[in-house]
């Protein structure tokens, strides 16, 4: 049986992955007027990847506390 936390975590990861794919699609269009716009988009992708890592770290910490 899945808890609400497990379902929430799975859905959040799915949304993050979908958003990253959308941003990567924007990169493929390459319609940036300057380097700053490109760097901003790359920063958003990096932040979302970091968020996925933080979710895993938080889950591991929560699992350790619940033992």
Protein backbone atom coordinates (compact mmCIF):
# COMPACT_ATOMS: atom_id res chain seq x y z
CA UNK A 1 0.00 0.00 0.00
CA UNK A 2 1.35 3.38 -0.96
CA UNK A 3 1.32 6.25 1.45
CA UNK A 4 0.37 9.75 0.42
CA UNK A 5 4.04 10.70 0.77
CA UNK A 6 5.09 8.02 -1.68
CA UNK A 7 2.48 9.07 -4.21
CA UNK A 8 3.40 12.72 -3.78
CA UNK A 9 7.10 11.99 -4.24
CA UNK A 10 6.48 9.93 -7.38
CA UNK A 11 4.24 12.60 -8.91
CA UNK A 12 6.69 15.37 -8.05
CA UNK A 13 9.53 13.47 -9.70
CA UNK A 14 7.35 12.88 -12.76
CA UNK A 15 6.52 16.59 -12.99
CA UNK A 16 10.16 17.56 -12.60
CA UNK A 17 11.24 15.14 -15.34
CA UNK A 18 8.52 16.45 -17.64
CA UNK A 19 9.54 20.06 -16.99
CA UNK A 20 13.19 19.24 -17.70
CA UNK A 21 12.20 17.68 -21.03
CA UNK A 22 10.18 20.79 -21.91
CA UNK A 23 13.14 23.03 -21.12
CA UNK A 24 15.46 20.83 -23.17
CA UNK A 25 13.03 21.10 -26.07
CA UNK A 26 13.30 24.88 -25.73
CA UNK A 27 17.08 24.51 -25.98
CA UNK A 28 16.76 22.63 -29.25
CA UNK A 29 14.90 25.55 -30.83
CA UNK A 30 17.89 27.81 -30.07
CA UNK A 31 16.02 31.09 -30.43
CA UNK A 32 18.00 32.97 -27.81
CA UNK A 33 18.96 36.56 -28.44
CA UNK A 34 21.84 36.54 -25.99
CA UNK A 35 23.95 34.23 -23.87
CA UNK A 36 22.21 35.33 -20.66
CA UNK A 37 18.90 33.80 -21.80
CA UNK A 38 20.66 30.54 -22.62
CA UNK A 39 22.45 30.49 -19.25
CA UNK A 40 19.18 31.21 -17.44
CA UNK A 41 17.53 28.20 -19.06
CA UNK A 42 20.52 25.99 -18.27
CA UNK A 43 20.33 27.19 -14.66
CA UNK A 44 16.67 26.21 -14.47
CA UNK A 45 17.50 22.72 -15.71
CA UNK A 46 20.35 22.42 -13.20
CA UNK A 47 18.06 23.57 -10.37
CA UNK A 48 15.45 20.97 -11.27
CA UNK A 49 18.12 18.26 -11.36
CA UNK A 50 19.29 19.42 -7.92
CA UNK A 51 15.71 19.23 -6.70
CA UNK A 52 15.49 15.58 -7.76
CA UNK A 53 18.69 14.89 -5.80
CA UNK A 54 17.34 16.72 -2.74
CA UNK A 55 14.15 14.67 -2.83
CA UNK A 56 16.23 11.49 -2.68
CA UNK A 57 18.37 12.84 0.17
CA UNK A 58 15.29 13.92 2.11
CA UNK A 59 13.67 10.53 1.59
CA UNK A 60 16.79 8.73 2.80
CA UNK A 61 16.92 10.96 5.90
CA UNK A 62 13.25 10.36 6.60
CA UNK A 63 13.72 6.61 6.24
CA UNK A 64 16.60 6.70 8.73
CA UNK A 65 14.50 8.59 11.29
CA UNK A 66 11.59 6.18 10.97
CA UNK A 67 13.66 3.10 11.80
